[in-house]
Amino acid sequence: MPLHPQAQGLVDMIAESGAPPLYEMSIEDARSVPGVISELIGPGPDVADVRDISIPTPDGGIGARVYVPADDPPGTIVYYHGGGWVIGSLDDWDAVCRALAVGSGCRVVSVDYRLAPEHRYPAAVADAYAALTWVAANLAGGRPLVVAGDSAGGNLAAVAALRARDEQGPAIALQLLVYPVVDHDLTGSSYQEFSNTGLILNLEEMAWFWDTYAPDVAARADPTASPLRAPDLSGLPPAYVVIAGYDPLRDEGLAYAARLEAAGVPVTVVRYDDQLHAFFTMVNLLESADQAVTAAAAAVRSAIGAG
């Protein structure tokens, strides 16, 4: 299946810009890239209330942005943005979080976890779980909780669900995993297929992300870094897994979904085979993103019993 024309247009635009790949940029320059894309995306939909807060953690306060689409939301989504644990911010992911809040009717808490290389693994893992437990105790009001994230954020959502199971943490109604990073092995077929292809994410970028986030290669095999390597996936919350066809993370996402299903976890896999990595966040810009967020929001409503 060819790449969707809108996605191809984005790839062409990036190529024409002459910008170097992320792994050749400074950290500061790499962190400016999502902002350029967010300008193309434009503003997300209005919500009733948006506020920035600080969430206390054992390592100090971290930022978060709370989106409340209407009074008395039926549930809360704790959302972790993508960006390889190195780039990405609350502002960069603002539009998709607004769209998810409006579509689901749920409160969305977007977590500004610490980034590498200033804060390497497992700092982001610690922040993700601390945010989940704090939101459960202070914002959710006893209503259902969902963990969600894309790419590296999908990794943190999956790991938060594992920790909640293992540490008798908050009950989670659904894990929404959008092309999640779930393993550090870069030798799989989809990695080889998308090496030096000029897409938004290639093998080379993922190698750079892993090297920046978790330079200790041995540590990457821990399930809190590579949840696909967890010995037991039973007892986890139902999963809704979004897969992009033109994505080096495609095969590991499918493998994680298959392992969850084999462990008895209810799993829904939704494939967008003509889309590239990062498409889900590009609401307004890509029709497939609008469709994917709408479908994910419906899955959230169903999981929390909100219709």
C-alpha atoms as a PDB file:
ATOM      1  CA  MET A   1       0.000   0.000   0.000  1.00  0.00           C
ATOM      2  CA  PRO A   2       1.505   3.384  -0.976  1.00  0.00           C
ATOM      3  CA  LEU A   3       2.008   6.115   1.569  1.00  0.00           C
ATOM      4  CA  HIS A   4      -1.085   8.296   1.946  1.00  0.00           C
ATOM      5  CA  PRO A   5      -0.815  11.377  -0.340  1.00  0.00           C
ATOM      6  CA  GLN A   6      -1.096  13.764   2.611  1.00  0.00           C
ATOM      7  CA  ALA A   7       1.691  11.950   4.451  1.00  0.00           C
ATOM      8  CA  GLN A   8       3.780  11.876   1.283  1.00  0.00           C
ATOM      9  CA  GLY A   9       3.313  15.613   0.947  1.00  0.00           C
ATOM     10  CA  LEU A  10       4.663  16.070   4.469  1.00  0.00           C
ATOM     11  CA  VAL A  11       7.668  13.869   3.720  1.00  0.00           C
ATOM     12  CA  ASP A  12       8.343  15.839   0.546  1.00  0.00           C
ATOM     13  CA  MET A  13       8.119  19.124   2.417  1.00  0.00           C
ATOM     14  CA  ILE A  14      10.624  17.929   5.008  1.00  0.00           C
ATOM     15  CA  ALA A  15      12.989  16.775   2.266  1.00  0.00           C
ATOM     16  CA  GLU A  16      12.712  20.103   0.463  1.00  0.00           C
ATOM     17  CA  SER A  17      13.525  21.985   3.664  1.00  0.00           C
ATOM     18  CA  GLY A  18      17.009  20.499   3.663  1.00  0.00           C
ATOM     19  CA  ALA A  19      16.914  19.987   7.423  1.00  0.00           C
ATOM     20  CA  PRO A  20      19.424  17.423   8.697  1.00  0.00           C
ATOM     21  CA  PRO A  21      18.180  14.286  10.467  1.00  0.00           C
ATOM     22  CA  LEU A  22      17.640  14.519  14.205  1.00  0.00           C
ATOM     23  CA  TYR A  23      20.713  12.469  15.050  1.00  0.00           C
ATOM     24  CA  GLU A  24      22.912  15.073  13.366  1.00  0.00           C
ATOM     25  CA  MET A  25      21.366  17.966  15.305  1.00  0.00           C
ATOM     26  CA  SER A  26      22.201  19.375  18.691  1.00  0.00           C
ATOM     27  CA  ILE A  27      19.702  18.509  21.424  1.00  0.00           C
ATOM     28  CA  GLU A  28      18.452  22.100  21.375  1.00  0.00           C
ATOM     29  CA  ASP A  29      17.870  22.074  17.625  1.00  0.00           C
ATOM     30  CA  ALA A  30      16.227  18.641  17.740  1.00  0.00           C
ATOM     31  CA  ARG A  31      13.804  19.906  20.381  1.00  0.00           C
ATOM     32  CA  SER A  32      12.690  22.698  18.063  1.00  0.00           C
ATOM     33  CA  VAL A  33      11.466  20.264  15.395  1.00  0.00           C
ATOM     34  CA  PRO A  34       8.127  19.277  17.005  1.00  0.00           C
ATOM     35  CA  GLY A  35       7.333  22.968  17.373  1.00  0.00           C
ATOM     36  CA  VAL A  36       7.652  23.450  13.621  1.00  0.00           C
ATOM     37  CA  ILE A  37       5.207  20.608  13.026  1.00  0.00           C
ATOM     38  CA  SER A  38       2.821  21.911  15.697  1.00  0.00           C
ATOM     39  CA  GLU A  39       2.691  25.223  13.844  1.00  0.00           C
ATOM     40  CA  LEU A  40       1.568  23.328  10.737  1.00  0.00           C
ATOM     41  CA  ILE A  41      -1.030  21.469  12.808  1.00  0.00           C
ATOM     42  CA  GLY A  42      -2.489  24.639  14.280  1.00  0.00           C
ATOM     43  CA  PRO A  43      -4.682  24.912  17.353  1.00  0.00           C
ATOM     44  CA  GLY A  44      -6.758  22.075  18.672  1.00  0.00           C
ATOM     45  CA  PRO A  45     -10.441  22.388  19.572  1.00  0.00           C
ATOM     46  CA  ASP A  46     -11.617  24.523  22.450  1.00  0.00           C
ATOM     47  CA  VAL A  47     -12.196  22.806  25.774  1.00  0.00           C
ATOM     48  CA  ALA A  48     -14.014  24.124  28.814  1.00  0.00           C
ATOM     49  CA  ASP A  49     -10.921  24.453  30.977  1.00  0.00           C
ATOM     50  CA  VAL A  50      -7.171  24.148  30.444  1.00  0.00           C
ATOM     51  CA  ARG A  51      -4.634  24.699  33.202  1.00  0.00           C
ATOM     52  CA  ASP A  52      -0.998  23.938  33.869  1.00  0.00           C
ATOM     53  CA  ILE A  53      -0.163  22.271  37.169  1.00  0.00           C
ATOM     54  CA  SER A  54       2.816  20.815  38.999  1.00  0.00           C
ATOM     55  CA  ILE A  55       2.737  17.167  40.047  1.00  0.00           C
ATOM     56  CA  PRO A  56       4.876  16.267  43.058  1.00  0.00           C
ATOM     57  CA  THR A  57       7.196  13.290  42.649  1.00  0.00           C
ATOM     58  CA  PRO A  58       9.968  11.830  44.837  1.00  0.00           C
ATOM     59  CA  ASP A  59      12.445  13.614  42.556  1.00  0.00           C
ATOM     60  CA  GLY A  60      10.713  17.001  42.567  1.00  0.00           C
ATOM     61  CA  GLY A  61       7.777  18.583  40.803  1.00  0.00           C
ATOM     62  CA  ILE A  62       7.053  17.944  37.127  1.00  0.00           C
ATOM     63  CA  GLY A  63       4.727  19.904  34.903  1.00  0.00           C
ATOM     64  CA  ALA A  64       1.433  18.743  33.470  1.00  0.00           C
ATOM     65  CA  ARG A  65      -1.453  20.260  31.540  1.00  0.00           C
ATOM     66  CA  VAL A  66      -5.029  19.391  32.433  1.00  0.00           C
ATOM     67  CA  TYR A  67      -7.768  19.541  29.791  1.00  0.00           C
ATOM     68  CA  VAL A  68     -11.365  19.347  31.002  1.00  0.00           C
ATOM     69  CA  PRO A  69     -13.856  19.235  28.108  1.00  0.00           C
ATOM     70  CA  ALA A  70     -16.973  19.677  30.250  1.00  0.00           C
ATOM     71  CA  ASP A  71     -18.177  19.552  33.826  1.00  0.00           C
ATOM     72  CA  ASP A  72     -17.994  16.201  35.608  1.00  0.00           C
ATOM     73  CA  PRO A  73     -15.959  14.191  33.067  1.00  0.00           C
ATOM     74  CA  PRO A  74     -16.629  10.437  33.202  1.00  0.00           C
ATOM     75  CA  GLY A  75     -12.965   9.461  33.307  1.00  0.00           C
ATOM     76  CA  THR A  76      -9.382  10.670  33.150  1.00  0.00           C
ATOM     77  CA  ILE A  77      -6.696   9.958  30.553  1.00  0.00           C
ATOM     78  CA  VAL A  78      -3.081  10.253  31.673  1.00  0.00           C
ATOM     79  CA  TYR A  79      -1.200  11.034  28.461  1.00  0.00           C
ATOM     80  CA  TYR A  80       2.543  10.734  27.805  1.00  0.00           C
ATOM     81  CA  HIS A  81       3.850  12.497  24.693  1.00  0.00           C
ATOM     82  CA  GLY A  82       6.238  10.967  22.197  1.00  0.00           C
ATOM     83  CA  GLY A  83       9.638  12.191  21.113  1.00  0.00           C
ATOM     84  CA  GLY A  84      12.050   9.390  21.914  1.00  0.00           C
ATOM     85  CA  TRP A  85      12.266  10.434  25.593  1.00  0.00           C
ATOM     86  CA  VAL A  86      14.455  13.285  24.300  1.00  0.00           C
ATOM     87  CA  ILE A  87      12.204  15.842  22.584  1.00  0.00           C
ATOM     88  CA  GLY A  88       8.564  16.904  22.903  1.00  0.00           C
ATOM     89  CA  SER A  89       6.657  19.215  25.227  1.00  0.00           C
ATOM     90  CA  LEU A  90       3.188  20.042  26.487  1.00  0.00           C
ATOM     91  CA  ASP A  91       2.846  22.740  23.830  1.00  0.00           C
ATOM     92  CA  ASP A  92       3.947  20.432  21.023  1.00  0.00           C
ATOM     93  CA  TRP A  93       1.239  17.880  21.908  1.00  0.00           C
ATOM     94  CA  ASP A  94      -1.464  20.406  22.798  1.00  0.00           C
ATOM     95  CA  ALA A  95      -3.690  19.934  19.739  1.00  0.00           C
ATOM     96  CA  VAL A  96      -3.968  16.143  19.954  1.00  0.00           C
ATOM     97  CA  CYS A  97      -4.628  16.254  23.699  1.00  0.00           C
ATOM     98  CA  ARG A  98      -7.426  18.751  23.129  1.00  0.00           C
ATOM     99  CA  ALA A  99      -8.895  16.560  20.395  1.00  0.00           C
ATOM    100  CA  LEU A 100      -8.707  13.468  22.591  1.00  0.00           C
ATOM    101  CA  ALA A 101     -10.382  15.297  25.479  1.00  0.00           C
ATOM    102  CA  VAL A 102     -13.231  16.540  23.304  1.00  0.00           C
ATOM    103  CA  GLY A 103     -13.680  13.219  21.526  1.00  0.00           C
ATOM    104  CA  SER A 104     -13.650  11.101  24.670  1.00  0.00           C
ATOM    105  CA  GLY A 105     -15.372  13.528  26.985  1.00  0.00           C
ATOM    106  CA  CYS A 106     -12.641  12.715  29.519  1.00  0.00           C
ATOM    107  CA  ARG A 107     -10.245  14.858  31.440  1.00  0.00           C
ATOM    108  CA  VAL A 108      -6.798  14.576  29.847  1.00  0.00           C
ATOM    109  CA  VAL A 109      -3.650  15.099  31.916  1.00  0.00           C
ATOM    110  CA  SER A 110      -0.631  15.576  29.650  1.00  0.00           C
ATOM    111  CA  VAL A 111       2.540  14.801  31.594  1.00  0.00           C
ATOM    112  CA  ASP A 112       5.750  16.795  31.106  1.00  0.00           C
ATOM    113  CA  TYR A 113       8.109  14.037  32.237  1.00  0.00           C
ATOM    114  CA  ARG A 114      11.844  14.648  32.433  1.00  0.00           C
ATOM    115  CA  LEU A 115      13.803  14.238  29.208  1.00  0.00           C
ATOM    116  CA  ALA A 116      17.182  12.762  28.332  1.00  0.00           C
ATOM    117  CA  PRO A 117      20.090  13.373  28.168  1.00  0.00           C
ATOM    118  CA  GLU A 118      19.682  15.636  31.203  1.00  0.00           C
ATOM    119  CA  HIS A 119      17.623  12.911  32.873  1.00  0.00           C
ATOM    120  CA  ARG A 120      18.319   9.466  31.488  1.00  0.00           C
ATOM    121  CA  TYR A 121      16.456   6.195  32.012  1.00  0.00           C
ATOM    122  CA  PRO A 122      14.740   5.467  34.351  1.00  0.00           C
ATOM    123  CA  ALA A 123      13.820   9.102  35.152  1.00  0.00           C
ATOM    124  CA  ALA A 124      10.949   9.207  32.651  1.00  0.00           C
ATOM    125  CA  VAL A 125       9.641   5.885  33.951  1.00  0.00           C
ATOM    126  CA  ALA A 126       9.637   7.192  37.520  1.00  0.00           C
ATOM    127  CA  ASP A 127       7.864  10.397  36.481  1.00  0.00           C
ATOM    128  CA  ALA A 128       5.267   8.541  34.442  1.00  0.00           C
ATOM    129  CA  TYR A 129       4.269   6.283  37.302  1.00  0.00           C
ATOM    130  CA  ALA A 130       4.382   9.050  39.903  1.00  0.00           C
ATOM    131  CA  ALA A 131       2.080  11.128  37.714  1.00  0.00           C
ATOM    132  CA  LEU A 132      -0.343   8.229  37.331  1.00  0.00           C
ATOM    133  CA  THR A 133      -0.581   7.584  41.053  1.00  0.00           C
ATOM    134  CA  TRP A 134      -0.933  11.290  41.862  1.00  0.00           C
ATOM    135  CA  VAL A 135      -3.668  11.817  39.274  1.00  0.00           C
ATOM    136  CA  ALA A 136      -5.513   8.748  40.579  1.00  0.00           C
ATOM    137  CA  ALA A 137      -5.424  10.134  44.118  1.00  0.00           C
ATOM    138  CA  ASN A 138      -6.001  13.821  43.408  1.00  0.00           C
ATOM    139  CA  LEU A 139      -7.825  14.397  40.113  1.00  0.00           C
ATOM    140  CA  ALA A 140      -9.661  11.283  38.980  1.00  0.00           C
ATOM    141  CA  GLY A 141     -12.313  11.445  41.677  1.00  0.00           C
ATOM    142  CA  GLY A 142     -12.801   7.696  41.696  1.00  0.00           C
ATOM    143  CA  ARG A 143     -13.735   7.680  38.011  1.00  0.00           C
ATOM    144  CA  PRO A 144     -12.022   5.306  35.528  1.00  0.00           C
ATOM    145  CA  LEU A 145      -8.411   5.902  34.541  1.00  0.00           C
ATOM    146  CA  VAL A 146      -6.801   5.400  31.129  1.00  0.00           C
ATOM    147  CA  VAL A 147      -3.068   5.478  30.374  1.00  0.00           C
ATOM    148  CA  ALA A 148      -2.183   6.658  26.896  1.00  0.00           C
ATOM    149  CA  GLY A 149       0.802   7.728  24.865  1.00  0.00           C
ATOM    150  CA  ASP A 150       2.427   7.695  21.458  1.00  0.00           C
ATOM    151  CA  SER A 151       5.850   6.295  20.542  1.00  0.00           C
ATOM    152  CA  ALA A 152       8.114   6.815  23.580  1.00  0.00           C
ATOM    153  CA  GLY A 153       4.990   7.944  25.402  1.00  0.00           C
ATOM    154  CA  GLY A 154       3.372   4.664  24.433  1.00  0.00           C
ATOM    155  CA  ASN A 155       6.355   2.976  26.051  1.00  0.00           C
ATOM    156  CA  LEU A 156       5.739   4.916  29.265  1.00  0.00           C
ATOM    157  CA  ALA A 157       2.017   4.118  29.185  1.00  0.00           C
ATOM    158  CA  ALA A 158       2.732   0.394  28.775  1.00  0.00           C
ATOM    159  CA  VAL A 159       5.319   0.463  31.558  1.00  0.00           C
ATOM    160  CA  ALA A 160       2.973   2.415  33.855  1.00  0.00           C
ATOM    161  CA  ALA A 161       0.331  -0.272  33.313  1.00  0.00           C
ATOM    162  CA  LEU A 162       2.856  -2.985  34.168  1.00  0.00           C
ATOM    163  CA  ARG A 163       3.936  -1.176  37.335  1.00  0.00           C
ATOM    164  CA  ALA A 164       0.359  -0.564  38.406  1.00  0.00           C
ATOM    165  CA  ARG A 165      -0.283  -4.306  38.105  1.00  0.00           C
ATOM    166  CA  ASP A 166       2.888  -5.323  39.911  1.00  0.00           C
ATOM    167  CA  GLU A 167       2.778  -2.681  42.652  1.00  0.00           C
ATOM    168  CA  GLN A 168      -0.967  -2.827  43.346  1.00  0.00           C
ATOM    169  CA  GLY A 169      -1.301   0.650  41.939  1.00  0.00           C
ATOM    170  CA  PRO A 170      -4.290   2.424  40.438  1.00  0.00           C
ATOM    171  CA  ALA A 171      -6.841   0.398  38.499  1.00  0.00           C
ATOM    172  CA  ILE A 172      -6.593   1.148  34.785  1.00  0.00           C
ATOM    173  CA  ALA A 173      -9.558   0.735  32.458  1.00  0.00           C
ATOM    174  CA  LEU A 174      -7.586   0.890  29.192  1.00  0.00           C
ATOM    175  CA  GLN A 175      -4.072   1.324  27.890  1.00  0.00           C
ATOM    176  CA  LEU A 176      -4.101   3.335  24.658  1.00  0.00           C
ATOM    177  CA  LEU A 177      -0.791   2.546  22.972  1.00  0.00           C
ATOM    178  CA  VAL A 178      -0.082   4.503  19.799  1.00  0.00           C
ATOM    179  CA  TYR A 179       2.807   2.968  17.810  1.00  0.00           C
ATOM    180  CA  PRO A 180       4.570   2.298  21.116  1.00  0.00           C
ATOM    181  CA  VAL A 181       8.269   1.652  21.630  1.00  0.00           C
ATOM    182  CA  VAL A 182       8.279  -1.698  23.422  1.00  0.00           C
ATOM    183  CA  ASP A 183      11.710  -3.194  22.682  1.00  0.00           C
ATOM    184  CA  HIS A 184      15.269  -1.995  22.177  1.00  0.00           C
ATOM    185  CA  ASP A 185      16.111  -4.537  19.460  1.00  0.00           C
ATOM    186  CA  LEU A 186      16.710  -2.593  16.235  1.00  0.00           C
ATOM    187  CA  THR A 187      17.290  -5.614  14.001  1.00  0.00           C
ATOM    188  CA  GLY A 188      13.659  -6.441  13.193  1.00  0.00           C
ATOM    189  CA  SER A 189      12.274  -6.395   9.682  1.00  0.00           C
ATOM    190  CA  SER A 190      10.403  -3.090   9.964  1.00  0.00           C
ATOM    191  CA  TYR A 191      13.570  -1.424  11.263  1.00  0.00           C
ATOM    192  CA  GLN A 192      15.484  -2.675   8.246  1.00  0.00           C
ATOM    193  CA  GLU A 193      12.655  -1.643   5.942  1.00  0.00           C
ATOM    194  CA  PHE A 194      12.695   1.909   7.247  1.00  0.00           C
ATOM    195  CA  SER A 195      16.380   2.718   7.386  1.00  0.00           C
ATOM    196  CA  ASN A 196      17.484   5.938   5.667  1.00  0.00           C
ATOM    197  CA  THR A 197      14.098   6.347   4.025  1.00  0.00           C
ATOM    198  CA  GLY A 198      13.524  10.043   4.670  1.00  0.00           C
ATOM    199  CA  LEU A 199      10.430   9.381   6.753  1.00  0.00           C
ATOM    200  CA  ILE A 200       9.795  11.128  10.062  1.00  0.00           C
ATOM    201  CA  LEU A 201      11.299   8.195  11.971  1.00  0.00           C
ATOM    202  CA  ASN A 202      13.969   5.786  10.753  1.00  0.00           C
ATOM    203  CA  LEU A 203      16.218   3.183  12.314  1.00  0.00           C
ATOM    204  CA  GLU A 204      18.955   5.778  12.682  1.00  0.00           C
ATOM    205  CA  GLU A 205      16.785   8.143  14.738  1.00  0.00           C
ATOM    206  CA  MET A 206      15.659   5.317  17.005  1.00  0.00           C
ATOM    207  CA  ALA A 207      19.271   4.272  17.600  1.00  0.00           C
ATOM    208  CA  TRP A 208      20.046   7.881  18.562  1.00  0.00           C
ATOM    209  CA  PHE A 209      17.037   8.060  20.884  1.00  0.00           C
ATOM    210  CA  TRP A 210      18.018   4.846  22.664  1.00  0.00           C
ATOM    211  CA  ASP A 211      21.656   5.937  22.958  1.00  0.00           C
ATOM    212  CA  THR A 212      20.559   9.266  24.437  1.00  0.00           C
ATOM    213  CA  TYR A 213      17.894   7.848  26.757  1.00  0.00           C
ATOM    214  CA  ALA A 214      19.531   4.621  27.944  1.00  0.00           C
ATOM    215  CA  PRO A 215      23.232   4.519  27.049  1.00  0.00           C
ATOM    216  CA  ASP A 216      23.695   1.460  29.264  1.00  0.00           C
ATOM    217  CA  VAL A 217      22.760  -1.186  26.687  1.00  0.00           C
ATOM    218  CA  ALA A 218      22.304  -3.898  29.303  1.00  0.00           C
ATOM    219  CA  ALA A 219      19.710  -1.781  31.141  1.00  0.00           C
ATOM    220  CA  ARG A 220      17.556  -1.583  28.022  1.00  0.00           C
ATOM    221  CA  ALA A 221      16.498  -5.219  28.451  1.00  0.00           C
ATOM    222  CA  ASP A 222      14.668  -4.400  31.679  1.00  0.00           C
ATOM    223  CA  PRO A 223      10.869  -4.521  31.196  1.00  0.00           C
ATOM    224  CA  THR A 224      10.633  -0.913  32.398  1.00  0.00           C
ATOM    225  CA  ALA A 225      12.583   0.027  29.265  1.00  0.00           C
ATOM    226  CA  SER A 226      11.461  -2.777  26.923  1.00  0.00           C
ATOM    227  CA  PRO A 227       8.040  -3.997  28.098  1.00  0.00           C
ATOM    228  CA  LEU A 228       7.955  -6.612  25.347  1.00  0.00           C
ATOM    229  CA  ARG A 229      10.562  -8.424  27.471  1.00  0.00           C
ATOM    230  CA  ALA A 230       8.342  -8.645  30.540  1.00  0.00           C
ATOM    231  CA  PRO A 231       8.088 -12.346  31.405  1.00  0.00           C
ATOM    232  CA  ASP A 232       4.349 -12.166  32.116  1.00  0.00           C
ATOM    233  CA  LEU A 233       1.790  -9.857  30.510  1.00  0.00           C
ATOM    234  CA  SER A 234      -1.285 -11.422  32.076  1.00  0.00           C
ATOM    235  CA  GLY A 235      -3.570  -9.354  34.256  1.00  0.00           C
ATOM    236  CA  LEU A 236      -2.912  -6.119  32.396  1.00  0.00           C
ATOM    237  CA  PRO A 237      -5.702  -3.721  31.397  1.00  0.00           C
ATOM    238  CA  PRO A 238      -7.343  -4.032  27.971  1.00  0.00           C
ATOM    239  CA  ALA A 239      -5.256  -2.483  25.222  1.00  0.00           C
ATOM    240  CA  TYR A 240      -6.082  -0.420  22.158  1.00  0.00           C
ATOM    241  CA  VAL A 241      -3.016  -0.443  19.919  1.00  0.00           C
ATOM    242  CA  VAL A 242      -2.585   1.910  16.968  1.00  0.00           C
ATOM    243  CA  ILE A 243      -0.091   0.832  14.303  1.00  0.00           C
ATOM    244  CA  ALA A 244       1.321   2.842  11.386  1.00  0.00           C
ATOM    245  CA  GLY A 245       2.436   0.904   8.321  1.00  0.00           C
ATOM    246  CA  TYR A 246       5.391   3.138   7.418  1.00  0.00           C
ATOM    247  CA  ASP A 247       7.050   2.951  10.798  1.00  0.00           C
ATOM    248  CA  PRO A 248      10.121   1.139  12.137  1.00  0.00           C
ATOM    249  CA  LEU A 249       8.099   0.491  15.318  1.00  0.00           C
ATOM    250  CA  ARG A 250       5.384  -1.372  13.400  1.00  0.00           C
ATOM    251  CA  ASP A 251       6.514  -4.929  14.067  1.00  0.00           C
ATOM    252  CA  GLU A 252       7.288  -4.517  17.757  1.00  0.00           C
ATOM    253  CA  GLY A 253       3.886  -2.924  18.312  1.00  0.00           C
ATOM    254  CA  LEU A 254       2.225  -5.867  16.610  1.00  0.00           C
ATOM    255  CA  ALA A 255       4.363  -8.292  18.626  1.00  0.00           C
ATOM    256  CA  TYR A 256       3.350  -6.626  21.887  1.00  0.00           C
ATOM    257  CA  ALA A 257      -0.319  -6.764  20.935  1.00  0.00           C
ATOM    258  CA  ALA A 258       0.040 -10.456  20.088  1.00  0.00           C
ATOM    259  CA  ARG A 259       1.740 -11.199  23.411  1.00  0.00           C
ATOM    260  CA  LEU A 260      -0.942  -9.329  25.327  1.00  0.00           C
ATOM    261  CA  GLU A 261      -3.644 -11.272  23.538  1.00  0.00           C
ATOM    262  CA  ALA A 262      -1.847 -14.578  24.174  1.00  0.00           C
ATOM    263  CA  ALA A 263      -1.744 -13.655  27.877  1.00  0.00           C
ATOM    264  CA  GLY A 264      -5.507 -13.241  27.923  1.00  0.00           C
ATOM    265  CA  VAL A 265      -5.625  -9.454  27.738  1.00  0.00           C
ATOM    266  CA  PRO A 266      -8.410  -8.028  25.544  1.00  0.00           C
ATOM    267  CA  VAL A 267      -6.686  -6.288  22.640  1.00  0.00           C
ATOM    268  CA  THR A 268      -7.869  -4.157  19.744  1.00  0.00           C
ATOM    269  CA  VAL A 269      -5.323  -3.482  17.001  1.00  0.00           C
ATOM    270  CA  VAL A 270      -6.098  -0.701  14.549  1.00  0.00           C
ATOM    271  CA  ARG A 271      -3.759  -0.461  11.582  1.00  0.00           C
ATOM    272  CA  TYR A 272      -3.197   2.578   9.376  1.00  0.00           C
ATOM    273  CA  ASP A 273      -1.023   0.902   6.788  1.00  0.00           C
ATOM    274  CA  ASP A 274      -0.719   3.991   4.562  1.00  0.00           C
ATOM    275  CA  GLN A 275       0.491   6.239   7.374  1.00  0.00           C
ATOM    276  CA  LEU A 276       3.859   7.128   8.805  1.00  0.00           C
ATOM    277  CA  HIS A 277       5.128   7.332  12.366  1.00  0.00           C
ATOM    278  CA  ALA A 278       3.837  10.367  14.303  1.00  0.00           C
ATOM    279  CA  PHE A 279       0.692  10.713  12.162  1.00  0.00           C
ATOM    280  CA  PHE A 280      -1.684  10.340  15.144  1.00  0.00           C
ATOM    281  CA  THR A 281      -0.680  13.692  16.628  1.00  0.00           C
ATOM    282  CA  MET A 282      -1.170  15.605  13.370  1.00  0.00           C
ATOM    283  CA  VAL A 283      -4.830  16.440  13.805  1.00  0.00           C
ATOM    284  CA  ASN A 284      -6.056  19.154  11.406  1.00  0.00           C
ATOM    285  CA  LEU A 285      -3.108  18.372   9.125  1.00  0.00           C
ATOM    286  CA  LEU A 286      -3.795  14.714   8.231  1.00  0.00           C
ATOM    287  CA  GLU A 287      -7.287  13.303   7.736  1.00  0.00           C
ATOM    288  CA  SER A 288      -6.070   9.944   9.053  1.00  0.00           C
ATOM    289  CA  ALA A 289      -5.030  11.602  12.308  1.00  0.00           C
ATOM    290  CA  ASP A 290      -8.502  13.026  12.836  1.00  0.00           C
ATOM    291  CA  GLN A 291     -10.001   9.607  12.100  1.00  0.00           C
ATOM    292  CA  ALA A 292      -7.546   7.806  14.374  1.00  0.00           C
ATOM    293  CA  VAL A 293      -8.099  10.146  17.315  1.00  0.00           C
ATOM    294  CA  THR A 294     -11.871   9.923  16.874  1.00  0.00           C
ATOM    295  CA  ALA A 295     -11.704   6.116  16.863  1.00  0.00           C
ATOM    296  CA  ALA A 296      -9.372   6.049  19.886  1.00  0.00           C
ATOM    297  CA  ALA A 297     -11.660   8.427  21.769  1.00  0.00           C
ATOM    298  CA  ALA A 298     -14.612   6.127  21.056  1.00  0.00           C
ATOM    299  CA  ALA A 299     -12.594   3.204  22.410  1.00  0.00           C
ATOM    300  CA  VAL A 300     -11.907   5.178  25.588  1.00  0.00           C
ATOM    301  CA  ARG A 301     -15.596   5.949  26.039  1.00  0.00           C
ATOM    302  CA  SER A 302     -16.449   2.296  25.580  1.00  0.00           C
ATOM    303  CA  ALA A 303     -13.762   1.145  28.024  1.00  0.00           C
ATOM    304  CA  ILE A 304     -14.953   3.449  30.791  1.00  0.00           C
ATOM    305  CA  GLY A 305     -18.616   2.707  30.185  1.00  0.00           C
ATOM    306  CA  ALA A 306     -19.445   6.153  28.851  1.00  0.00           C
ATOM    307  CA  GLY A 307     -20.997   4.927  25.600  1.00  0.00           C
END
